[in-house]
Each structure stands twice: as C-alpha cells, then as structure tokens.
C-alpha cells in the first residue's frame, strides 16, 4: 500500500476535550477518533502499528 493512498486524518490543533498527553497525540496523529464520551475507534493507521 502506498503512503499516498492511506486515509490518515491528522489535526493541526489539539482537541479541546483531551486531558492526557497521550490522548492528544493519538488523536492529532490520526491513530484514533473519539466517537462518544469514553468510546474510541481505531483508524487504519492505528491498526497498522
């Protein structure tokens, strides 16, 4: 799989509701996406690592 074809939604700014540093980094890097309060979904890049 080419890097250009992967779906990696990155964020420029940290999410406002993120409390832990690890949570901020995972969301900004495109590894996980928060669905609801306390529920997260792994994105394709998160499954690869």
PDB file of N, CA and C in Angstrom:
ATOM      1  N   UNK A   1       0.853  -1.173   0.000  1.00  0.00           N
ATOM      2  CA  UNK A   1       0.000   0.000   0.000  1.00  0.00           C
ATOM      3  C   UNK A   1       0.899   1.236   0.000  1.00  0.00           C
ATOM      4  N   UNK A   2       0.605   2.131  -0.879  1.00  0.00           N
ATOM      5  CA  UNK A   2       1.378   3.364  -0.935  1.00  0.00           C
ATOM      6  C   UNK A   2       0.937   4.317   0.167  1.00  0.00           C
ATOM      7  N   UNK A   3       1.882   5.098   0.634  1.00  0.00           N
ATOM      8  CA  UNK A   3       1.609   6.060   1.698  1.00  0.00           C
ATOM      9  C   UNK A   3       0.572   7.086   1.242  1.00  0.00           C
ATOM     10  N   UNK A   4       0.580   7.443  -0.030  1.00  0.00           N
ATOM     11  CA  UNK A   4      -0.338   8.463  -0.527  1.00  0.00           C
ATOM     12  C   UNK A   4      -1.784   7.975  -0.596  1.00  0.00           C
ATOM     13  N   UNK A   5      -2.014   6.672  -0.564  1.00  0.00           N
ATOM     14  CA  UNK A   5      -3.377   6.151  -0.649  1.00  0.00           C
ATOM     15  C   UNK A   5      -3.982   5.834   0.717  1.00  0.00           C
ATOM     16  N   UNK A   6      -3.216   5.937   1.782  1.00  0.00           N
ATOM     17  CA  UNK A   6      -3.750   5.674   3.115  1.00  0.00           C
ATOM     18  C   UNK A   6      -4.618   6.838   3.583  1.00  0.00           C
ATOM     19  N   UNK A   7      -5.644   6.520   4.353  1.00  0.00           N
ATOM     20  CA  UNK A   7      -6.519   7.538   4.932  1.00  0.00           C
ATOM     21  C   UNK A   7      -5.970   7.906   6.301  1.00  0.00           C
ATOM     22  N   UNK A   8      -5.309   9.052   6.395  1.00  0.00           N
ATOM     23  CA  UNK A   8      -4.716   9.486   7.655  1.00  0.00           C
ATOM     24  C   UNK A   8      -5.195  10.907   7.951  1.00  0.00           C
ATOM     25  N   UNK A   9      -6.302  11.050   8.690  1.00  0.00           N
ATOM     26  CA  UNK A   9      -6.804  12.389   9.005  1.00  0.00           C
ATOM     27  C   UNK A   9      -6.064  12.981  10.206  1.00  0.00           C
ATOM     28  N   UNK A  10      -5.138  13.862   9.971  1.00  0.00           N
ATOM     29  CA  UNK A  10      -4.387  14.483  11.060  1.00  0.00           C
ATOM     30  C   UNK A  10      -5.018  15.824  11.415  1.00  0.00           C
ATOM     31  N   UNK A  11      -4.763  16.277  12.626  1.00  0.00           N
ATOM     32  CA  UNK A  11      -5.281  17.557  13.102  1.00  0.00           C
ATOM     33  C   UNK A  11      -4.118  18.503  13.372  1.00  0.00           C
ATOM     34  N   UNK A  12      -4.332  19.772  13.126  1.00  0.00           N
ATOM     35  CA  UNK A  12      -3.284  20.759  13.408  1.00  0.00           C
ATOM     36  C   UNK A  12      -3.275  21.142  14.883  1.00  0.00           C
ATOM     37  N   UNK A  13      -4.445  21.293  15.468  1.00  0.00           N
ATOM     38  CA  UNK A  13      -4.560  21.705  16.863  1.00  0.00           C
ATOM     39  C   UNK A  13      -5.006  20.529  17.712  1.00  0.00           C
ATOM     40  N   UNK A  14      -4.620  20.568  18.969  1.00  0.00           N
ATOM     41  CA  UNK A  14      -5.035  19.519  19.900  1.00  0.00           C
ATOM     42  C   UNK A  14      -6.527  19.662  20.190  1.00  0.00           C
ATOM     43  N   UNK A  15      -7.244  18.540  20.357  1.00  0.00           N
ATOM     44  CA  UNK A  15      -8.667  18.625  20.692  1.00  0.00           C
ATOM     45  C   UNK A  15      -8.870  19.293  22.056  1.00  0.00           C
ATOM     46  N   UNK A  16      -9.917  20.067  22.170  1.00  0.00           N
ATOM     47  CA  UNK A  16     -10.162  20.827  23.399  1.00  0.00           C
ATOM     48  C   UNK A  16     -10.513  19.921  24.573  1.00  0.00           C
ATOM     49  N   UNK A  17     -11.147  18.776  24.312  1.00  0.00           N
ATOM     50  CA  UNK A  17     -11.586  17.904  25.402  1.00  0.00           C
ATOM     51  C   UNK A  17     -10.522  16.905  25.829  1.00  0.00           C
ATOM     52  N   UNK A  18      -9.348  16.920  25.209  1.00  0.00           N
ATOM     53  CA  UNK A  18      -8.289  15.964  25.546  1.00  0.00           C
ATOM     54  C   UNK A  18      -7.591  16.393  26.829  1.00  0.00           C
ATOM     55  N   UNK A  19      -7.525  15.472  27.793  1.00  0.00           N
ATOM     56  CA  UNK A  19      -6.882  15.779  29.066  1.00  0.00           C
ATOM     57  C   UNK A  19      -5.469  15.218  29.133  1.00  0.00           C
ATOM     58  N   UNK A  20      -5.288  13.973  28.713  1.00  0.00           N
ATOM     59  CA  UNK A  20      -3.978  13.322  28.798  1.00  0.00           C
ATOM     60  C   UNK A  20      -3.144  13.643  27.558  1.00  0.00           C
ATOM     61  N   UNK A  21      -1.846  13.708  27.749  1.00  0.00           N
ATOM     62  CA  UNK A  21      -0.939  13.988  26.632  1.00  0.00           C
ATOM     63  C   UNK A  21      -0.994  12.876  25.597  1.00  0.00           C
ATOM     64  N   UNK A  22      -1.126  11.632  26.041  1.00  0.00           N
ATOM     65  CA  UNK A  22      -1.181  10.509  25.102  1.00  0.00           C
ATOM     66  C   UNK A  22      -2.443  10.573  24.242  1.00  0.00           C
ATOM     67  N   UNK A  23      -3.547  10.970  24.830  1.00  0.00           N
ATOM     68  CA  UNK A  23      -4.801  11.106  24.085  1.00  0.00           C
ATOM     69  C   UNK A  23      -4.673  12.194  23.020  1.00  0.00           C
ATOM     70  N   UNK A  24      -4.083  13.329  23.390  1.00  0.00           N
ATOM     71  CA  UNK A  24      -3.878  14.412  22.423  1.00  0.00           C
ATOM     72  C   UNK A  24      -3.037  13.946  21.248  1.00  0.00           C
ATOM     73  N   UNK A  25      -1.959  13.226  21.513  1.00  0.00           N
ATOM     74  CA  UNK A  25      -1.059  12.784  20.449  1.00  0.00           C
ATOM     75  C   UNK A  25      -1.706  11.741  19.546  1.00  0.00           C
ATOM     76  N   UNK A  26      -2.461  10.805  20.116  1.00  0.00           N
ATOM     77  CA  UNK A  26      -3.112   9.777  19.303  1.00  0.00           C
ATOM     78  C   UNK A  26      -4.184  10.368  18.390  1.00  0.00           C
ATOM     79  N   UNK A  27      -4.946  11.327  18.883  1.00  0.00           N
ATOM     80  CA  UNK A  27      -5.987  11.945  18.061  1.00  0.00           C
ATOM     81  C   UNK A  27      -5.360  12.838  16.994  1.00  0.00           C
ATOM     82  N   UNK A  28      -4.366  13.637  17.375  1.00  0.00           N
ATOM     83  CA  UNK A  28      -3.718  14.526  16.399  1.00  0.00           C
ATOM     84  C   UNK A  28      -2.986  13.747  15.321  1.00  0.00           C
ATOM     85  N   UNK A  29      -2.416  12.601  15.666  1.00  0.00           N
ATOM     86  CA  UNK A  29      -1.666  11.810  14.696  1.00  0.00           C
ATOM     87  C   UNK A  29      -2.520  10.971  13.779  1.00  0.00           C
ATOM     88  N   UNK A  30      -3.813  10.858  14.045  1.00  0.00           N
ATOM     89  CA  UNK A  30      -4.696  10.093  13.177  1.00  0.00           C
ATOM     90  C   UNK A  30      -4.736   8.609  13.502  1.00  0.00           C
ATOM     91  N   UNK A  31      -4.433   8.238  14.737  1.00  0.00           N
ATOM     92  CA  UNK A  31      -4.469   6.833  15.144  1.00  0.00           C
ATOM     93  C   UNK A  31      -5.840   6.423  15.657  1.00  0.00           C
ATOM     94  N   UNK A  32      -6.513   7.309  16.389  1.00  0.00           N
ATOM     95  CA  UNK A  32      -7.838   7.021  16.940  1.00  0.00           C
ATOM     96  C   UNK A  32      -8.754   8.216  16.710  1.00  0.00           C
ATOM     97  N   UNK A  33     -10.054   7.962  16.789  1.00  0.00           N
ATOM     98  CA  UNK A  33     -11.065   9.013  16.667  1.00  0.00           C
ATOM     99  C   UNK A  33     -12.077   8.779  17.766  1.00  0.00           C
ATOM    100  N   UNK A  34     -12.455   9.821  18.490  1.00  0.00           N
ATOM    101  CA  UNK A  34     -13.425   9.684  19.568  1.00  0.00           C
ATOM    102  C   UNK A  34     -14.828   9.679  18.984  1.00  0.00           C
ATOM    103  N   UNK A  35     -15.608   8.638  19.326  1.00  0.00           N
ATOM    104  CA  UNK A  35     -16.982   8.524  18.848  1.00  0.00           C
ATOM    105  C   UNK A  35     -17.957   9.167  19.824  1.00  0.00           C
ATOM    106  N   UNK A  36     -17.833   8.784  21.092  1.00  0.00           N
ATOM    107  CA  UNK A  36     -18.662   9.321  22.167  1.00  0.00           C
ATOM    108  C   UNK A  36     -17.749   9.538  23.355  1.00  0.00           C
ATOM    109  N   UNK A  37     -18.330   9.938  24.437  1.00  0.00           N
ATOM    110  CA  UNK A  37     -17.550  10.099  25.647  1.00  0.00           C
ATOM    111  C   UNK A  37     -17.077   8.733  26.135  1.00  0.00           C
ATOM    112  N   UNK A  38     -15.788   8.487  26.078  1.00  0.00           N
ATOM    113  CA  UNK A  38     -15.224   7.223  26.531  1.00  0.00           C
ATOM    114  C   UNK A  38     -15.167   6.130  25.483  1.00  0.00           C
ATOM    115  N   UNK A  39     -15.658   6.372  24.276  1.00  0.00           N
ATOM    116  CA  UNK A  39     -15.649   5.373  23.205  1.00  0.00           C
ATOM    117  C   UNK A  39     -14.777   5.871  22.060  1.00  0.00           C
ATOM    118  N   UNK A  40     -13.825   5.029  21.665  1.00  0.00           N
ATOM    119  CA  UNK A  40     -12.886   5.409  20.616  1.00  0.00           C
ATOM    120  C   UNK A  40     -12.902   4.385  19.497  1.00  0.00           C
ATOM    121  N   UNK A  41     -12.574   4.838  18.309  1.00  0.00           N
ATOM    122  CA  UNK A  41     -12.496   3.971  17.144  1.00  0.00           C
ATOM    123  C   UNK A  41     -11.071   4.034  16.607  1.00  0.00           C
ATOM    124  N   UNK A  42     -10.503   2.858  16.313  1.00  0.00           N
ATOM    125  CA  UNK A  42      -9.168   2.810  15.732  1.00  0.00           C
ATOM    126  C   UNK A  42      -9.270   3.128  14.248  1.00  0.00           C
ATOM    127  N   UNK A  43      -8.464   4.051  13.769  1.00  0.00           N
ATOM    128  CA  UNK A  43      -8.409   4.384  12.353  1.00  0.00           C
ATOM    129  C   UNK A  43      -7.398   3.465  11.675  1.00  0.00           C
ATOM    130  N   UNK A  44      -7.355   3.425  10.341  1.00  0.00           N
ATOM    131  CA  UNK A  44      -6.455   2.492   9.643  1.00  0.00           C
ATOM    132  C   UNK A  44      -4.994   2.579  10.076  1.00  0.00           C
ATOM    133  N   UNK A  45      -4.491   3.772  10.330  1.00  0.00           N
ATOM    134  CA  UNK A  45      -3.106   3.890  10.783  1.00  0.00           C
ATOM    135  C   UNK A  45      -2.931   3.276  12.171  1.00  0.00           C
ATOM    136  N   UNK A  46      -3.941   3.383  13.023  1.00  0.00           N
ATOM    137  CA  UNK A  46      -3.886   2.780  14.351  1.00  0.00           C
ATOM    138  C   UNK A  46      -3.846   1.265  14.305  1.00  0.00           C
ATOM    139  N   UNK A  47      -4.503   0.661  13.312  1.00  0.00           N
ATOM    140  CA  UNK A  47      -4.479  -0.794  13.171  1.00  0.00           C
ATOM    141  C   UNK A  47      -3.143  -1.285  12.637  1.00  0.00           C
ATOM    142  N   UNK A  48      -2.447  -0.454  11.880  1.00  0.00           N
ATOM    143  CA  UNK A  48      -1.187  -0.871  11.269  1.00  0.00           C
ATOM    144  C   UNK A  48      -0.034  -0.908  12.260  1.00  0.00           C
ATOM    145  N   UNK A  49      -0.096  -0.121  13.329  1.00  0.00           N
ATOM    146  CA  UNK A  49       1.038  -0.059  14.253  1.00  0.00           C
ATOM    147  C   UNK A  49       0.885  -1.014  15.391  1.00  0.00           C
TER     148      UNK A  49
END
